[in-house]
Amino acid sequence: MKKIAFLLISVVFFSGCKENKKEETQTTTKTELSKPEDKNFVLTVQKIDSTQFPASIKYEGFVKNAVRWKDKAGDNIVITTETGYYTSKKFKHESDGSDAELFAYHFIVSGNEVKQTWKVYDYISDCPVDIVASFVKNTFQITDLDKNGIAETWLMYKKTCHGDVSPCDMKIIMYEGNQKYAMRGESRVQVGVDDNGKKQFAGGEYKLDENFKKGPKVFSEAAQKLWNDNVIETWEN
């Protein structure tokens, strides 16, 4: 195969594209933990759809994942949604750019009462070129890695506004109860090959927040594995 000269892809910045640098999270209710009823707790997660949501649950976007389970925190529901490309009245538009948002909601159900305990929200606004604002396929998980009877919710998503081949912002957000853990960085993309035919990449770096650094080792190990398994940009996630 004829050697391909190293390809440099210049990064083009668009001043008309507004990206928030920090995702918005809300913790609205502190969860009271009950004593475990069964020392041999087994986490059982059920997939549900919008017809099975309690009537008082409100959400934005199109449902991507919806699950329900019971643990020491109570009867839990988590819903993730995306809006896709559209023009939102939430944002000021200085061009003919589009918007895209994603959401994740956690609820505790108690009898006929439903309380939202946390929410994750992120977006791209007024983007005149290509938008990425979506959860990474097949990365949503509910686990109990530290075996304490309180489930962990794992969210992984990408977001960017660009008109070239360049890394996306990428994040892993994990909640155990009301405790948030975060891992932030960039996806890894191939930008060319050198004279020897070796692939050249950009991006892929990440940082763990203090909760991941100080928390159970099993959490940071799981986060790093999830990252490494999904860091290469395939343009399908």
C-alpha atoms as a PDB file:
ATOM      1  CA  MET A   1       0.000   0.000   0.000  1.00  0.00           C
ATOM      2  CA  LYS A   2       1.328   3.382  -0.952  1.00  0.00           C
ATOM      3  CA  LYS A   3       2.473   5.312   2.046  1.00  0.00           C
ATOM      4  CA  ILE A   4       0.213   8.167   2.949  1.00  0.00           C
ATOM      5  CA  ALA A   5       1.871  11.403   3.924  1.00  0.00           C
ATOM      6  CA  PHE A   6       1.092  12.663   7.387  1.00  0.00           C
ATOM      7  CA  LEU A   7      -2.106  14.626   7.268  1.00  0.00           C
ATOM      8  CA  LEU A   8      -2.505  17.732   9.332  1.00  0.00           C
ATOM      9  CA  ILE A   9      -6.038  18.777   9.974  1.00  0.00           C
ATOM     10  CA  SER A  10      -6.409  22.351  11.063  1.00  0.00           C
ATOM     11  CA  VAL A  11      -8.881  23.150  13.752  1.00  0.00           C
ATOM     12  CA  VAL A  12     -11.365  25.814  12.856  1.00  0.00           C
ATOM     13  CA  PHE A  13     -12.916  27.869  15.603  1.00  0.00           C
ATOM     14  CA  PHE A  14     -16.391  29.293  15.200  1.00  0.00           C
ATOM     15  CA  SER A  15     -17.123  32.352  17.257  1.00  0.00           C
ATOM     16  CA  GLY A  16     -20.834  31.931  16.589  1.00  0.00           C
ATOM     17  CA  CYS A  17     -20.967  28.604  18.414  1.00  0.00           C
ATOM     18  CA  LYS A  18     -21.601  28.826  22.136  1.00  0.00           C
ATOM     19  CA  GLU A  19     -20.561  25.856  24.285  1.00  0.00           C
ATOM     20  CA  ASN A  20     -21.008  25.803  28.027  1.00  0.00           C
ATOM     21  CA  LYS A  21     -17.843  24.600  29.716  1.00  0.00           C
ATOM     22  CA  LYS A  22     -19.499  22.970  32.698  1.00  0.00           C
ATOM     23  CA  GLU A  23     -22.509  20.733  32.836  1.00  0.00           C
ATOM     24  CA  GLU A  24     -25.371  21.781  35.078  1.00  0.00           C
ATOM     25  CA  THR A  25     -26.355  19.450  37.860  1.00  0.00           C
ATOM     26  CA  GLN A  26     -29.061  19.826  40.448  1.00  0.00           C
ATOM     27  CA  THR A  27     -29.623  17.935  43.670  1.00  0.00           C
ATOM     28  CA  THR A  28     -33.130  18.793  44.782  1.00  0.00           C
ATOM     29  CA  THR A  29     -33.800  16.297  47.554  1.00  0.00           C
ATOM     30  CA  LYS A  30     -31.562  14.545  50.040  1.00  0.00           C
ATOM     31  CA  THR A  31     -32.372  10.858  50.146  1.00  0.00           C
ATOM     32  CA  GLU A  32     -32.938   9.269  53.536  1.00  0.00           C
ATOM     33  CA  LEU A  33     -31.311   5.831  53.513  1.00  0.00           C
ATOM     34  CA  SER A  34     -33.182   3.019  55.172  1.00  0.00           C
ATOM     35  CA  LYS A  35     -31.611  -0.005  56.798  1.00  0.00           C
ATOM     36  CA  PRO A  36     -31.069  -2.873  54.388  1.00  0.00           C
ATOM     37  CA  GLU A  37     -33.875  -5.403  54.562  1.00  0.00           C
ATOM     38  CA  ASP A  38     -31.731  -8.165  53.091  1.00  0.00           C
ATOM     39  CA  LYS A  39     -28.032  -8.602  53.827  1.00  0.00           C
ATOM     40  CA  ASN A  40     -27.772 -10.558  50.581  1.00  0.00           C
ATOM     41  CA  PHE A  41     -29.041  -7.649  48.485  1.00  0.00           C
ATOM     42  CA  VAL A  42     -29.197  -8.340  44.756  1.00  0.00           C
ATOM     43  CA  LEU A  43     -29.636  -5.374  42.430  1.00  0.00           C
ATOM     44  CA  THR A  44     -32.446  -5.972  39.939  1.00  0.00           C
ATOM     45  CA  VAL A  45     -32.928  -3.294  37.272  1.00  0.00           C
ATOM     46  CA  GLN A  46     -36.056  -3.199  35.097  1.00  0.00           C
ATOM     47  CA  LYS A  47     -36.306  -1.327  31.798  1.00  0.00           C
ATOM     48  CA  ILE A  48     -39.463   0.779  31.563  1.00  0.00           C
ATOM     49  CA  ASP A  49     -41.047   3.101  29.011  1.00  0.00           C
ATOM     50  CA  SER A  50     -42.991   6.343  29.219  1.00  0.00           C
ATOM     51  CA  THR A  51     -46.308   4.508  29.660  1.00  0.00           C
ATOM     52  CA  GLN A  52     -44.970   3.203  32.983  1.00  0.00           C
ATOM     53  CA  PHE A  53     -43.854   6.572  34.379  1.00  0.00           C
ATOM     54  CA  PRO A  54     -45.768   7.949  37.362  1.00  0.00           C
ATOM     55  CA  ALA A  55     -48.076  10.718  36.134  1.00  0.00           C
ATOM     56  CA  SER A  56     -46.239  13.450  38.073  1.00  0.00           C
ATOM     57  CA  ILE A  57     -42.870  12.845  36.367  1.00  0.00           C
ATOM     58  CA  LYS A  58     -41.883  15.678  34.047  1.00  0.00           C
ATOM     59  CA  TYR A  59     -39.014  15.608  31.567  1.00  0.00           C
ATOM     60  CA  GLU A  60     -37.741  17.263  28.396  1.00  0.00           C
ATOM     61  CA  GLY A  61     -36.503  15.620  25.207  1.00  0.00           C
ATOM     62  CA  PHE A  62     -36.899  12.136  23.762  1.00  0.00           C
ATOM     63  CA  VAL A  63     -36.347   9.186  26.082  1.00  0.00           C
ATOM     64  CA  LYS A  64     -33.135   7.232  25.453  1.00  0.00           C
ATOM     65  CA  ASN A  65     -33.051   5.108  28.617  1.00  0.00           C
ATOM     66  CA  ALA A  66     -35.527   4.550  31.427  1.00  0.00           C
ATOM     67  CA  VAL A  67     -35.059   2.093  34.288  1.00  0.00           C
ATOM     68  CA  ARG A  68     -36.458   1.327  37.723  1.00  0.00           C
ATOM     69  CA  TRP A  69     -35.018  -0.536  40.707  1.00  0.00           C
ATOM     70  CA  LYS A  70     -35.211  -0.781  44.493  1.00  0.00           C
ATOM     71  CA  ASP A  71     -32.278  -0.404  46.873  1.00  0.00           C
ATOM     72  CA  LYS A  72     -31.546   1.046  50.312  1.00  0.00           C
ATOM     73  CA  ALA A  73     -32.426   4.527  49.004  1.00  0.00           C
ATOM     74  CA  GLY A  74     -35.917   3.378  48.009  1.00  0.00           C
ATOM     75  CA  ASP A  75     -37.807   2.882  44.756  1.00  0.00           C
ATOM     76  CA  ASN A  76     -35.681   4.528  42.051  1.00  0.00           C
ATOM     77  CA  ILE A  77     -36.373   5.710  38.501  1.00  0.00           C
ATOM     78  CA  VAL A  78     -33.715   7.134  36.156  1.00  0.00           C
ATOM     79  CA  ILE A  79     -34.557   8.627  32.756  1.00  0.00           C
ATOM     80  CA  THR A  80     -32.093   9.936  30.149  1.00  0.00           C
ATOM     81  CA  THR A  81     -33.269  12.067  27.220  1.00  0.00           C
ATOM     82  CA  GLU A  82     -31.947  13.976  24.204  1.00  0.00           C
ATOM     83  CA  THR A  83     -33.574  16.707  22.131  1.00  0.00           C
ATOM     84  CA  GLY A  84     -31.599  16.230  18.922  1.00  0.00           C
ATOM     85  CA  TYR A  85     -31.069  19.261  16.641  1.00  0.00           C
ATOM     86  CA  TYR A  86     -33.652  22.018  16.972  1.00  0.00           C
ATOM     87  CA  THR A  87     -34.006  25.743  17.611  1.00  0.00           C
ATOM     88  CA  SER A  88     -34.764  26.491  21.247  1.00  0.00           C
ATOM     89  CA  LYS A  89     -36.294  29.667  22.629  1.00  0.00           C
ATOM     90  CA  LYS A  90     -34.117  29.135  25.723  1.00  0.00           C
ATOM     91  CA  PHE A  91     -31.047  30.463  23.924  1.00  0.00           C
ATOM     92  CA  LYS A  92     -30.111  33.726  22.266  1.00  0.00           C
ATOM     93  CA  HIS A  93     -29.234  33.186  18.609  1.00  0.00           C
ATOM     94  CA  GLU A  94     -26.786  35.469  16.834  1.00  0.00           C
ATOM     95  CA  SER A  95     -26.716  33.279  13.710  1.00  0.00           C
ATOM     96  CA  ASP A  96     -28.882  30.643  12.069  1.00  0.00           C
ATOM     97  CA  GLY A  97     -27.276  28.012  14.308  1.00  0.00           C
ATOM     98  CA  SER A  98     -29.086  25.096  15.927  1.00  0.00           C
ATOM     99  CA  ASP A  99     -29.294  23.839  19.511  1.00  0.00           C
ATOM    100  CA  ALA A 100     -29.166  20.407  21.154  1.00  0.00           C
ATOM    101  CA  GLU A 101     -29.676  19.401  24.784  1.00  0.00           C
ATOM    102  CA  LEU A 102     -29.421  16.271  26.892  1.00  0.00           C
ATOM    103  CA  PHE A 103     -30.858  15.455  30.315  1.00  0.00           C
ATOM    104  CA  ALA A 104     -30.739  12.793  32.998  1.00  0.00           C
ATOM    105  CA  TYR A 105     -33.221  12.647  35.879  1.00  0.00           C
ATOM    106  CA  HIS A 106     -33.342  10.592  39.068  1.00  0.00           C
ATOM    107  CA  PHE A 107     -36.551  10.152  41.058  1.00  0.00           C
ATOM    108  CA  ILE A 108     -37.503   8.399  44.284  1.00  0.00           C
ATOM    109  CA  VAL A 109     -41.025   6.985  44.343  1.00  0.00           C
ATOM    110  CA  SER A 110     -42.785   6.639  47.691  1.00  0.00           C
ATOM    111  CA  GLY A 111     -46.416   5.590  47.453  1.00  0.00           C
ATOM    112  CA  ASN A 112     -48.143   8.220  45.305  1.00  0.00           C
ATOM    113  CA  GLU A 113     -45.340  10.731  45.866  1.00  0.00           C
ATOM    114  CA  VAL A 114     -42.442  11.223  43.424  1.00  0.00           C
ATOM    115  CA  LYS A 115     -39.420  13.388  44.281  1.00  0.00           C
ATOM    116  CA  GLN A 116     -36.663  14.379  41.858  1.00  0.00           C
ATOM    117  CA  THR A 117     -33.358  13.927  43.697  1.00  0.00           C
ATOM    118  CA  TRP A 118     -30.880  14.984  40.993  1.00  0.00           C
ATOM    119  CA  LYS A 119     -30.681  16.157  37.395  1.00  0.00           C
ATOM    120  CA  VAL A 120     -27.849  16.390  34.855  1.00  0.00           C
ATOM    121  CA  TYR A 121     -28.196  18.880  31.999  1.00  0.00           C
ATOM    122  CA  ASP A 122     -25.823  19.838  29.193  1.00  0.00           C
ATOM    123  CA  TYR A 123     -26.180  21.488  25.795  1.00  0.00           C
ATOM    124  CA  ILE A 124     -24.761  23.096  22.666  1.00  0.00           C
ATOM    125  CA  SER A 125     -26.418  26.329  21.518  1.00  0.00           C
ATOM    126  CA  ASP A 126     -26.426  28.471  18.379  1.00  0.00           C
ATOM    127  CA  CYS A 127     -24.076  26.159  16.478  1.00  0.00           C
ATOM    128  CA  PRO A 128     -23.791  26.917  12.733  1.00  0.00           C
ATOM    129  CA  VAL A 129     -21.977  23.667  11.882  1.00  0.00           C
ATOM    130  CA  ASP A 130     -22.078  20.067  13.147  1.00  0.00           C
ATOM    131  CA  ILE A 131     -23.479  19.428  16.629  1.00  0.00           C
ATOM    132  CA  VAL A 132     -22.731  16.504  18.910  1.00  0.00           C
ATOM    133  CA  ALA A 133     -24.773  16.394  22.126  1.00  0.00           C
ATOM    134  CA  SER A 134     -25.654  12.799  22.910  1.00  0.00           C
ATOM    135  CA  PHE A 135     -25.112   9.907  25.277  1.00  0.00           C
ATOM    136  CA  VAL A 136     -22.533   7.364  24.136  1.00  0.00           C
ATOM    137  CA  LYS A 137     -24.243   4.214  22.891  1.00  0.00           C
ATOM    138  CA  ASN A 138     -24.360   1.231  25.274  1.00  0.00           C
ATOM    139  CA  THR A 139     -22.646   3.022  28.186  1.00  0.00           C
ATOM    140  CA  PHE A 140     -25.649   3.695  30.448  1.00  0.00           C
ATOM    141  CA  GLN A 141     -25.377   1.409  33.494  1.00  0.00           C
ATOM    142  CA  ILE A 142     -26.859   0.827  36.947  1.00  0.00           C
ATOM    143  CA  THR A 143     -24.424  -1.001  39.242  1.00  0.00           C
ATOM    144  CA  ASP A 144     -23.613  -1.703  42.886  1.00  0.00           C
ATOM    145  CA  LEU A 145     -19.862  -2.036  42.584  1.00  0.00           C
ATOM    146  CA  ASP A 146     -19.050  -1.393  46.237  1.00  0.00           C
ATOM    147  CA  LYS A 147     -21.768  -3.823  47.405  1.00  0.00           C
ATOM    148  CA  ASN A 148     -23.323  -1.390  49.883  1.00  0.00           C
ATOM    149  CA  GLY A 149     -26.915  -1.756  48.715  1.00  0.00           C
ATOM    150  CA  ILE A 150     -27.000   1.708  47.069  1.00  0.00           C
ATOM    151  CA  ALA A 151     -26.914   1.616  43.265  1.00  0.00           C
ATOM    152  CA  GLU A 152     -24.607   3.708  41.091  1.00  0.00           C
ATOM    153  CA  THR A 153     -25.937   5.385  37.930  1.00  0.00           C
ATOM    154  CA  TRP A 154     -23.400   5.784  35.097  1.00  0.00           C
ATOM    155  CA  LEU A 155     -23.845   8.390  32.346  1.00  0.00           C
ATOM    156  CA  MET A 156     -21.386   8.986  29.493  1.00  0.00           C
ATOM    157  CA  TYR A 157     -21.873  11.593  26.793  1.00  0.00           C
ATOM    158  CA  LYS A 158     -20.159  13.718  24.144  1.00  0.00           C
ATOM    159  CA  LYS A 159     -20.755  17.304  23.091  1.00  0.00           C
ATOM    160  CA  THR A 160     -19.167  19.682  20.624  1.00  0.00           C
ATOM    161  CA  CYS A 161     -19.786  22.210  17.854  1.00  0.00           C
ATOM    162  CA  HIS A 162     -17.282  21.825  15.028  1.00  0.00           C
ATOM    163  CA  GLY A 163     -16.879  21.765  11.292  1.00  0.00           C
ATOM    164  CA  ASP A 164     -13.763  19.627  11.136  1.00  0.00           C
ATOM    165  CA  VAL A 165     -12.367  16.312  12.383  1.00  0.00           C
ATOM    166  CA  SER A 166     -11.414  17.077  15.976  1.00  0.00           C
ATOM    167  CA  PRO A 167     -12.058  15.653  19.460  1.00  0.00           C
ATOM    168  CA  CYS A 168     -15.377  16.114  21.274  1.00  0.00           C
ATOM    169  CA  ASP A 169     -15.726  17.064  24.902  1.00  0.00           C
ATOM    170  CA  MET A 170     -16.528  13.821  26.703  1.00  0.00           C
ATOM    171  CA  LYS A 171     -17.784  13.253  30.232  1.00  0.00           C
ATOM    172  CA  ILE A 172     -18.641  10.445  32.601  1.00  0.00           C
ATOM    173  CA  ILE A 173     -21.043  11.435  35.373  1.00  0.00           C
ATOM    174  CA  MET A 174     -21.776   8.862  38.072  1.00  0.00           C
ATOM    175  CA  TYR A 175     -24.143   9.164  40.998  1.00  0.00           C
ATOM    176  CA  GLU A 176     -24.315   6.946  44.065  1.00  0.00           C
ATOM    177  CA  GLY A 177     -27.336   8.195  45.949  1.00  0.00           C
ATOM    178  CA  ASN A 178     -26.890  11.991  45.974  1.00  0.00           C
ATOM    179  CA  GLN A 179     -23.104  11.840  45.639  1.00  0.00           C
ATOM    180  CA  LYS A 180     -21.809  12.952  42.261  1.00  0.00           C
ATOM    181  CA  TYR A 181     -18.578  11.706  40.651  1.00  0.00           C
ATOM    182  CA  ALA A 182     -17.225  13.181  37.405  1.00  0.00           C
ATOM    183  CA  MET A 183     -14.592  12.393  34.785  1.00  0.00           C
ATOM    184  CA  ARG A 184     -14.023  14.989  32.054  1.00  0.00           C
ATOM    185  CA  GLY A 185     -11.843  15.144  28.962  1.00  0.00           C
ATOM    186  CA  GLU A 186     -11.900  14.618  25.201  1.00  0.00           C
ATOM    187  CA  SER A 187     -12.597  11.804  22.782  1.00  0.00           C
ATOM    188  CA  ARG A 188      -9.668  10.515  20.705  1.00  0.00           C
ATOM    189  CA  VAL A 189      -9.722  10.923  16.919  1.00  0.00           C
ATOM    190  CA  GLN A 190      -7.409   9.870  14.118  1.00  0.00           C
ATOM    191  CA  VAL A 191      -6.019  12.924  12.335  1.00  0.00           C
ATOM    192  CA  GLY A 192      -3.724  11.209   9.843  1.00  0.00           C
ATOM    193  CA  VAL A 193      -0.772   8.837   9.412  1.00  0.00           C
ATOM    194  CA  ASP A 194       2.961   9.455   9.389  1.00  0.00           C
ATOM    195  CA  ASP A 195       5.499   8.496   6.703  1.00  0.00           C
ATOM    196  CA  ASN A 196       5.753   5.021   8.211  1.00  0.00           C
ATOM    197  CA  GLY A 197       2.033   4.398   8.028  1.00  0.00           C
ATOM    198  CA  LYS A 198       1.526   4.831  11.783  1.00  0.00           C
ATOM    199  CA  LYS A 199      -1.817   6.326  12.752  1.00  0.00           C
ATOM    200  CA  GLN A 200      -1.720   9.758  14.368  1.00  0.00           C
ATOM    201  CA  PHE A 201      -4.315  10.731  16.972  1.00  0.00           C
ATOM    202  CA  ALA A 202      -5.479  13.817  18.853  1.00  0.00           C
ATOM    203  CA  GLY A 203      -7.317  14.000  22.177  1.00  0.00           C
ATOM    204  CA  GLY A 204      -8.100  11.226  24.636  1.00  0.00           C
ATOM    205  CA  GLU A 205      -6.956  12.949  27.835  1.00  0.00           C
ATOM    206  CA  TYR A 206      -9.144  13.021  30.960  1.00  0.00           C
ATOM    207  CA  LYS A 207      -9.257  14.184  34.558  1.00  0.00           C
ATOM    208  CA  LEU A 208     -10.932  12.505  37.510  1.00  0.00           C
ATOM    209  CA  ASP A 209     -12.622  14.772  40.042  1.00  0.00           C
ATOM    210  CA  GLU A 210     -11.802  14.626  43.755  1.00  0.00           C
ATOM    211  CA  ASN A 211     -14.694  12.285  44.544  1.00  0.00           C
ATOM    212  CA  PHE A 212     -13.364   9.688  42.113  1.00  0.00           C
ATOM    213  CA  LYS A 213      -9.833  10.164  43.472  1.00  0.00           C
ATOM    214  CA  LYS A 214     -10.868   9.826  47.106  1.00  0.00           C
ATOM    215  CA  GLY A 215     -13.750   7.377  46.682  1.00  0.00           C
ATOM    216  CA  PRO A 216     -13.731   3.580  46.456  1.00  0.00           C
ATOM    217  CA  LYS A 217     -11.063   2.341  44.062  1.00  0.00           C
ATOM    218  CA  VAL A 218     -13.635   0.190  42.303  1.00  0.00           C
ATOM    219  CA  PHE A 219     -15.385   3.394  41.132  1.00  0.00           C
ATOM    220  CA  SER A 220     -12.312   5.020  39.549  1.00  0.00           C
ATOM    221  CA  GLU A 221     -11.273   1.727  37.969  1.00  0.00           C
ATOM    222  CA  ALA A 222     -14.730   1.291  36.421  1.00  0.00           C
ATOM    223  CA  ALA A 223     -14.706   4.892  35.162  1.00  0.00           C
ATOM    224  CA  GLN A 224     -11.299   4.490  33.534  1.00  0.00           C
ATOM    225  CA  LYS A 225     -12.345   1.232  31.863  1.00  0.00           C
ATOM    226  CA  LEU A 226     -15.554   2.808  30.550  1.00  0.00           C
ATOM    227  CA  TRP A 227     -13.516   5.732  29.215  1.00  0.00           C
ATOM    228  CA  ASN A 228     -10.881   3.574  27.537  1.00  0.00           C
ATOM    229  CA  ASP A 229     -13.522   1.330  25.967  1.00  0.00           C
ATOM    230  CA  ASN A 230     -15.246   4.319  24.348  1.00  0.00           C
ATOM    231  CA  VAL A 231     -12.579   7.000  23.880  1.00  0.00           C
ATOM    232  CA  ILE A 232     -11.899   6.335  20.180  1.00  0.00           C
ATOM    233  CA  GLU A 233     -14.233   8.399  18.020  1.00  0.00           C
ATOM    234  CA  THR A 234     -16.241   6.218  15.658  1.00  0.00           C
ATOM    235  CA  TRP A 235     -18.745   8.901  14.544  1.00  0.00           C
ATOM    236  CA  GLU A 236     -21.518   6.444  15.445  1.00  0.00           C
ATOM    237  CA  ASN A 237     -21.743   7.092  19.191  1.00  0.00           C
END
